[in-house]
PDB file of all heavy atoms in Angstrom:
ATOM      1  N   ALA A   1      12.350  27.498  21.971  1.00  0.00           N
ATOM      2  CA  ALA A   1      11.242  26.606  22.186  1.00  0.00           C
ATOM      3  C   ALA A   1      10.835  26.555  23.678  1.00  0.00           C
ATOM      4  O   ALA A   1       9.676  26.624  24.014  1.00  0.00           O
ATOM      5  CB  ALA A   1      11.550  25.215  21.713  1.00  0.00           C
ATOM      6  N   ARG A   2      11.864  26.489  24.550  1.00  0.00           N
ATOM      7  CA  ARG A   2      11.558  26.435  25.977  1.00  0.00           C
ATOM      8  C   ARG A   2      10.889  27.728  26.439  1.00  0.00           C
ATOM      9  O   ARG A   2       9.951  27.672  27.205  1.00  0.00           O
ATOM     10  CB  ARG A   2      12.806  26.140  26.777  1.00  0.00           C
ATOM     11  CG  ARG A   2      13.167  24.626  26.743  1.00  0.00           C
ATOM     12  CD  ARG A   2      14.436  24.306  27.474  1.00  0.00           C
ATOM     13  NE  ARG A   2      14.298  24.487  28.898  1.00  0.00           N
ATOM     14  CZ  ARG A   2      15.259  24.146  29.787  1.00  0.00           C
ATOM     15  NH1 ARG A   2      16.359  23.563  29.375  1.00  0.00           N
ATOM     16  NH2 ARG A   2      15.073  24.343  31.087  1.00  0.00           N
ATOM     17  N   ALA A   3      11.365  28.827  25.983  1.00  0.00           N
ATOM     18  CA  ALA A   3      10.807  30.129  26.391  1.00  0.00           C
ATOM     19  C   ALA A   3       9.417  30.336  25.852  1.00  0.00           C
ATOM     20  O   ALA A   3       8.461  30.666  26.529  1.00  0.00           O
ATOM     21  CB  ALA A   3      11.734  31.272  25.973  1.00  0.00           C
ATOM     22  N   GLU A   4       9.208  30.166  24.524  1.00  0.00           N
ATOM     23  CA  GLU A   4       7.980  30.522  23.879  1.00  0.00           C
ATOM     24  C   GLU A   4       6.911  29.434  24.010  1.00  0.00           C
ATOM     25  O   GLU A   4       5.698  29.713  23.904  1.00  0.00           O
ATOM     26  CB  GLU A   4       8.194  30.917  22.376  1.00  0.00           C
ATOM     27  CG  GLU A   4       9.080  32.125  22.273  1.00  0.00           C
ATOM     28  CD  GLU A   4       9.214  32.706  20.902  1.00  0.00           C
ATOM     29  OE1 GLU A   4       8.416  32.336  20.021  1.00  0.00           O
ATOM     30  OE2 GLU A   4      10.168  33.477  20.696  1.00  0.00           O
ATOM     31  N   LEU A   5       7.324  28.205  24.227  1.00  0.00           N
ATOM     32  CA  LEU A   5       6.322  27.082  24.388  1.00  0.00           C
ATOM     33  C   LEU A   5       6.152  26.747  25.847  1.00  0.00           C
ATOM     34  O   LEU A   5       5.343  25.937  26.185  1.00  0.00           O
ATOM     35  CB  LEU A   5       6.761  25.841  23.539  1.00  0.00           C
ATOM     36  CG  LEU A   5       6.805  26.079  22.050  1.00  0.00           C
ATOM     37  CD1 LEU A   5       7.309  24.789  21.373  1.00  0.00           C
ATOM     38  CD2 LEU A   5       5.453  26.417  21.476  1.00  0.00           C
ATOM     39  N   GLY A   6       7.023  27.358  26.715  1.00  0.00           N
ATOM     40  CA  GLY A   6       6.900  27.128  28.110  1.00  0.00           C
ATOM     41  C   GLY A   6       7.244  25.686  28.535  1.00  0.00           C
ATOM     42  O   GLY A   6       6.526  25.132  29.382  1.00  0.00           O
ATOM     43  N   LEU A   7       8.302  25.150  27.942  1.00  0.00           N
ATOM     44  CA  LEU A   7       8.628  23.732  28.215  1.00  0.00           C
ATOM     45  C   LEU A   7       9.433  23.507  29.438  1.00  0.00           C
ATOM     46  O   LEU A   7      10.306  24.373  29.808  1.00  0.00           O
ATOM     47  CB  LEU A   7       9.437  23.159  26.996  1.00  0.00           C
ATOM     48  CG  LEU A   7       8.764  23.315  25.622  1.00  0.00           C
ATOM     49  CD1 LEU A   7       9.643  22.692  24.536  1.00  0.00           C
ATOM     50  CD2 LEU A   7       7.377  22.671  25.654  1.00  0.00           C
ATOM     51  N   ALA A   8       9.198  22.440  30.104  1.00  0.00           N
ATOM     52  CA  ALA A   8       9.999  22.059  31.274  1.00  0.00           C
ATOM     53  C   ALA A   8      11.334  21.432  30.825  1.00  0.00           C
ATOM     54  O   ALA A   8      11.456  21.029  29.657  1.00  0.00           O
ATOM     55  CB  ALA A   8       9.234  20.987  32.116  1.00  0.00           C
ATOM     56  N   PRO A   9      12.365  21.413  31.681  1.00  0.00           N
ATOM     57  CA  PRO A   9      13.619  20.791  31.353  1.00  0.00           C
ATOM     58  C   PRO A   9      13.322  19.322  30.904  1.00  0.00           C
ATOM     59  O   PRO A   9      12.497  18.626  31.453  1.00  0.00           O
ATOM     60  CB  PRO A   9      14.467  20.798  32.573  1.00  0.00           C
ATOM     61  CG  PRO A   9      13.886  21.882  33.402  1.00  0.00           C
ATOM     62  CD  PRO A   9      12.405  21.903  33.100  1.00  0.00           C
ATOM     63  N   PRO A  10      14.068  18.842  29.895  1.00  0.00           N
ATOM     64  CA  PRO A  10      13.776  17.533  29.345  1.00  0.00           C
ATOM     65  C   PRO A  10      14.275  16.395  30.292  1.00  0.00           C
ATOM     66  O   PRO A  10      15.173  16.627  31.119  1.00  0.00           O
ATOM     67  CB  PRO A  10      14.570  17.440  28.008  1.00  0.00           C
ATOM     68  CG  PRO A  10      15.681  18.434  28.211  1.00  0.00           C
ATOM     69  CD  PRO A  10      15.134  19.514  29.136  1.00  0.00           C
ATOM     70  N   LEU A  11      13.704  15.166  30.144  1.00  0.00           N
ATOM     71  CA  LEU A  11      14.167  14.020  30.882  1.00  0.00           C
ATOM     72  C   LEU A  11      15.636  13.764  30.511  1.00  0.00           C
ATOM     73  O   LEU A  11      15.943  13.673  29.330  1.00  0.00           O
ATOM     74  CB  LEU A  11      13.261  12.816  30.491  1.00  0.00           C
ATOM     75  CG  LEU A  11      13.588  11.511  31.179  1.00  0.00           C
ATOM     76  CD1 LEU A  11      13.169  11.517  32.606  1.00  0.00           C
ATOM     77  CD2 LEU A  11      12.834  10.334  30.427  1.00  0.00           C
ATOM     78  N   PRO A  12      16.502  13.561  31.488  1.00  0.00           N
ATOM     79  CA  PRO A  12      17.882  13.240  31.218  1.00  0.00           C
ATOM     80  C   PRO A  12      18.014  11.929  30.403  1.00  0.00           C
ATOM     81  O   PRO A  12      17.304  10.959  30.689  1.00  0.00           O
ATOM     82  CB  PRO A  12      18.567  13.093  32.577  1.00  0.00           C
ATOM     83  CG  PRO A  12      17.651  13.850  33.505  1.00  0.00           C
ATOM     84  CD  PRO A  12      16.278  13.676  32.942  1.00  0.00           C
ATOM     85  N   TRP A  13      18.942  11.924  29.378  1.00  0.00           N
ATOM     86  CA  TRP A  13      18.933  10.793  28.477  1.00  0.00           C
ATOM     87  C   TRP A  13      19.168   9.426  29.116  1.00  0.00           C
ATOM     88  O   TRP A  13      18.618   8.415  28.717  1.00  0.00           O
ATOM     89  CB  TRP A  13      19.901  11.031  27.319  1.00  0.00           C
ATOM     90  CG  TRP A  13      21.386  11.018  27.642  1.00  0.00           C
ATOM     91  CD1 TRP A  13      22.093  12.116  27.965  1.00  0.00           C
ATOM     92  CD2 TRP A  13      22.257   9.915  27.601  1.00  0.00           C
ATOM     93  NE1 TRP A  13      23.423  11.706  28.193  1.00  0.00           N
ATOM     94  CE2 TRP A  13      23.539  10.397  27.972  1.00  0.00           C
ATOM     95  CE3 TRP A  13      22.104   8.515  27.354  1.00  0.00           C
ATOM     96  CZ2 TRP A  13      24.671   9.552  28.061  1.00  0.00           C
ATOM     97  CZ3 TRP A  13      23.235   7.716  27.436  1.00  0.00           C
ATOM     98  CH2 TRP A  13      24.471   8.203  27.769  1.00  0.00           C
ATOM     99  N   ARG A  14      20.007   9.377  30.176  1.00  0.00           N
ATOM    100  CA  ARG A  14      20.258   8.070  30.833  1.00  0.00           C
ATOM    101  C   ARG A  14      18.958   7.490  31.409  1.00  0.00           C
ATOM    102  O   ARG A  14      18.741   6.278  31.291  1.00  0.00           O
ATOM    103  CB  ARG A  14      21.332   8.221  31.873  1.00  0.00           C
ATOM    104  CG  ARG A  14      22.711   8.356  31.279  1.00  0.00           C
ATOM    105  CD  ARG A  14      23.837   8.323  32.332  1.00  0.00           C
ATOM    106  NE  ARG A  14      25.130   8.299  31.705  1.00  0.00           N
ATOM    107  CZ  ARG A  14      25.830   9.269  31.291  1.00  0.00           C
ATOM    108  NH1 ARG A  14      25.316  10.508  31.445  1.00  0.00           N
ATOM    109  NH2 ARG A  14      27.038   9.123  30.737  1.00  0.00           N
ATOM    110  N   ALA A  15      18.169   8.318  32.037  1.00  0.00           N
ATOM    111  CA  ALA A  15      16.867   7.910  32.624  1.00  0.00           C
ATOM    112  C   ALA A  15      15.970   7.479  31.470  1.00  0.00           C
ATOM    113  O   ALA A  15      15.239   6.421  31.610  1.00  0.00           O
ATOM    114  CB  ALA A  15      16.245   8.975  33.421  1.00  0.00           C
ATOM    115  N   GLY A  16      15.949   8.228  30.395  1.00  0.00           N
ATOM    116  CA  GLY A  16      15.082   7.882  29.281  1.00  0.00           C
ATOM    117  C   GLY A  16      15.468   6.580  28.632  1.00  0.00           C
ATOM    118  O   GLY A  16      14.535   5.783  28.223  1.00  0.00           O
ATOM    119  N   ILE A  17      16.737   6.322  28.472  1.00  0.00           N
ATOM    120  CA  ILE A  17      17.202   5.057  27.896  1.00  0.00           C
ATOM    121  C   ILE A  17      16.781   3.883  28.725  1.00  0.00           C
ATOM    122  O   ILE A  17      16.354   2.852  28.240  1.00  0.00           O
ATOM    123  CB  ILE A  17      18.757   5.083  27.792  1.00  0.00           C
ATOM    124  CG1 ILE A  17      19.271   6.138  26.827  1.00  0.00           C
ATOM    125  CG2 ILE A  17      19.288   3.698  27.375  1.00  0.00           C
ATOM    126  CD1 ILE A  17      18.872   5.951  25.442  1.00  0.00           C
ATOM    127  N   ARG A  18      16.891   4.000  30.059  1.00  0.00           N
ATOM    128  CA  ARG A  18      16.477   2.988  30.966  1.00  0.00           C
ATOM    129  C   ARG A  18      14.984   2.681  30.793  1.00  0.00           C
ATOM    130  O   ARG A  18      14.555   1.528  30.787  1.00  0.00           O
ATOM    131  CB  ARG A  18      16.804   3.403  32.411  1.00  0.00           C
ATOM    132  CG  ARG A  18      16.866   2.275  33.416  1.00  0.00           C
ATOM    133  CD  ARG A  18      17.500   2.678  34.712  1.00  0.00           C
ATOM    134  NE  ARG A  18      18.940   2.996  34.496  1.00  0.00           N
ATOM    135  CZ  ARG A  18      19.531   4.146  34.879  1.00  0.00           C
ATOM    136  NH1 ARG A  18      18.847   5.109  35.446  1.00  0.00           N
ATOM    137  NH2 ARG A  18      20.803   4.319  34.663  1.00  0.00           N
ATOM    138  N   GLN A  19      14.214   3.698  30.692  1.00  0.00           N
ATOM    139  CA  GLN A  19      12.777   3.583  30.476  1.00  0.00           C
ATOM    140  C   GLN A  19      12.434   2.819  29.211  1.00  0.00           C
ATOM    141  O   GLN A  19      11.640   1.934  29.175  1.00  0.00           O
ATOM    142  CB  GLN A  19      12.157   4.941  30.481  1.00  0.00           C
ATOM    143  CG  GLN A  19      10.733   5.067  30.931  1.00  0.00           C
ATOM    144  CD  GLN A  19      10.323   6.524  31.049  1.00  0.00           C
ATOM    145  OE1 GLN A  19      10.916   7.314  31.853  1.00  0.00           O
ATOM    146  NE2 GLN A  19       9.357   7.000  30.304  1.00  0.00           N
ATOM    147  N   LEU A  20      13.097   3.238  28.071  1.00  0.00           N
ATOM    148  CA  LEU A  20      12.863   2.616  26.808  1.00  0.00           C
ATOM    149  C   LEU A  20      13.306   1.167  26.848  1.00  0.00           C
ATOM    150  O   LEU A  20      12.649   0.247  26.315  1.00  0.00           O
ATOM    151  CB  LEU A  20      13.612   3.371  25.695  1.00  0.00           C
ATOM    152  CG  LEU A  20      13.589   2.758  24.305  1.00  0.00           C
ATOM    153  CD1 LEU A  20      12.193   2.494  23.816  1.00  0.00           C
ATOM    154  CD2 LEU A  20      14.350   3.667  23.300  1.00  0.00           C
ATOM    155  N   LEU A  21      14.398   0.889  27.497  1.00  0.00           N
ATOM    156  CA  LEU A  21      14.905  -0.468  27.585  1.00  0.00           C
ATOM    157  C   LEU A  21      13.896  -1.380  28.314  1.00  0.00           C
ATOM    158  O   LEU A  21      13.673  -2.538  27.855  1.00  0.00           O
ATOM    159  CB  LEU A  21      16.263  -0.460  28.365  1.00  0.00           C
ATOM    160  CG  LEU A  21      17.143  -1.746  28.139  1.00  0.00           C
ATOM    161  CD1 LEU A  21      17.681  -1.804  26.742  1.00  0.00           C
ATOM    162  CD2 LEU A  21      18.323  -1.694  29.108  1.00  0.00           C
ATOM    163  N   GLY A  22      13.308  -0.890  29.363  1.00  0.00           N
ATOM    164  CA  GLY A  22      12.328  -1.655  30.093  1.00  0.00           C
ATOM    165  C   GLY A  22      11.113  -1.968  29.212  1.00  0.00           C
ATOM    166  O   GLY A  22      10.608  -3.101  29.206  1.00  0.00           O
ATOM    167  N   TRP A  23      10.693  -1.007  28.386  1.00  0.00           N
ATOM    168  CA  TRP A  23       9.556  -1.215  27.451  1.00  0.00           C
ATOM    169  C   TRP A  23       9.909  -2.251  26.428  1.00  0.00           C
ATOM    170  O   TRP A  23       9.103  -3.128  26.123  1.00  0.00           O
ATOM    171  CB  TRP A  23       9.154   0.109  26.839  1.00  0.00           C
ATOM    172  CG  TRP A  23       7.965  -0.075  25.849  1.00  0.00           C
ATOM    173  CD1 TRP A  23       6.698  -0.147  26.204  1.00  0.00           C
ATOM    174  CD2 TRP A  23       8.070  -0.176  24.459  1.00  0.00           C
ATOM    175  NE1 TRP A  23       5.926  -0.339  25.049  1.00  0.00           N
ATOM    176  CE2 TRP A  23       6.756  -0.304  23.939  1.00  0.00           C
ATOM    177  CE3 TRP A  23       9.163  -0.121  23.525  1.00  0.00           C
ATOM    178  CZ2 TRP A  23       6.505  -0.417  22.595  1.00  0.00           C
ATOM    179  CZ3 TRP A  23       8.886  -0.271  22.157  1.00  0.00           C
ATOM    180  CH2 TRP A  23       7.534  -0.399  21.706  1.00  0.00           C
ATOM    181  N   LEU A  24      11.094  -2.151  25.851  1.00  0.00           N
ATOM    182  CA  LEU A  24      11.546  -3.076  24.869  1.00  0.00           C
ATOM    183  C   LEU A  24      11.607  -4.514  25.381  1.00  0.00           C
ATOM    184  O   LEU A  24      11.236  -5.441  24.699  1.00  0.00           O
ATOM    185  CB  LEU A  24      12.927  -2.689  24.272  1.00  0.00           C
ATOM    186  CG  LEU A  24      12.955  -1.457  23.364  1.00  0.00           C
ATOM    187  CD1 LEU A  24      14.372  -1.029  23.103  1.00  0.00           C
ATOM    188  CD2 LEU A  24      12.292  -1.835  22.033  1.00  0.00           C
ATOM    189  N   GLN A  25      12.127  -4.685  26.621  1.00  0.00           N
ATOM    190  CA  GLN A  25      12.210  -5.999  27.238  1.00  0.00           C
ATOM    191  C   GLN A  25      10.831  -6.619  27.343  1.00  0.00           C
ATOM    192  O   GLN A  25      10.610  -7.776  27.003  1.00  0.00           O
ATOM    193  CB  GLN A  25      12.881  -5.895  28.653  1.00  0.00           C
ATOM    194  CG  GLN A  25      14.418  -5.810  28.539  1.00  0.00           C
ATOM    195  CD  GLN A  25      15.063  -5.453  29.903  1.00  0.00           C
ATOM    196  OE1 GLN A  25      14.530  -4.617  30.586  1.00  0.00           O
ATOM    197  NE2 GLN A  25      16.124  -6.087  30.229  1.00  0.00           N
ATOM    198  N   GLU A  26       9.882  -5.809  27.794  1.00  0.00           N
ATOM    199  CA  GLU A  26       8.515  -6.254  27.924  1.00  0.00           C
ATOM    200  C   GLU A  26       7.938  -6.661  26.563  1.00  0.00           C
ATOM    201  O   GLU A  26       7.380  -7.734  26.414  1.00  0.00           O
ATOM    202  CB  GLU A  26       7.693  -5.046  28.461  1.00  0.00           C
ATOM    203  CG  GLU A  26       6.599  -5.406  29.417  1.00  0.00           C
ATOM    204  CD  GLU A  26       6.006  -4.139  30.027  1.00  0.00           C
ATOM    205  OE1 GLU A  26       6.636  -3.658  30.972  1.00  0.00           O
ATOM    206  OE2 GLU A  26       4.983  -3.658  29.578  1.00  0.00           O
ATOM    207  N   GLU A  27       8.125  -5.772  25.560  1.00  0.00           N
ATOM    208  CA  GLU A  27       7.665  -6.074  24.246  1.00  0.00           C
ATOM    209  C   GLU A  27       8.219  -7.296  23.612  1.00  0.00           C
ATOM    210  O   GLU A  27       7.520  -8.135  23.091  1.00  0.00           O
ATOM    211  CB  GLU A  27       8.030  -4.852  23.295  1.00  0.00           C
ATOM    212  CG  GLU A  27       7.122  -3.685  23.416  1.00  0.00           C
ATOM    213  CD  GLU A  27       5.773  -3.864  22.721  1.00  0.00           C
ATOM    214  OE1 GLU A  27       5.766  -3.916  21.509  1.00  0.00           O
ATOM    215  OE2 GLU A  27       4.818  -3.982  23.448  1.00  0.00           O
ATOM    216  N   MET A  28       9.552  -7.465  23.780  1.00  0.00           N
ATOM    217  CA  MET A  28      10.268  -8.573  23.210  1.00  0.00           C
ATOM    218  C   MET A  28       9.898  -9.852  23.914  1.00  0.00           C
ATOM    219  O   MET A  28       9.711 -10.937  23.344  1.00  0.00           O
ATOM    220  CB  MET A  28      11.778  -8.300  23.198  1.00  0.00           C
ATOM    221  CG  MET A  28      12.163  -7.331  22.137  1.00  0.00           C
ATOM    222  SD  MET A  28      13.785  -6.593  22.381  1.00  0.00           S
ATOM    223  CE  MET A  28      14.833  -8.005  22.093  1.00  0.00           C
TER     224      MET A  28
END
């Protein structure tokens, strides 16, 4: 997928979790 679709390295999961947590706090 990375080669044929030209994808950048993915967001590291710890950073992603922090981002989602911030959104959930706001929503809740």
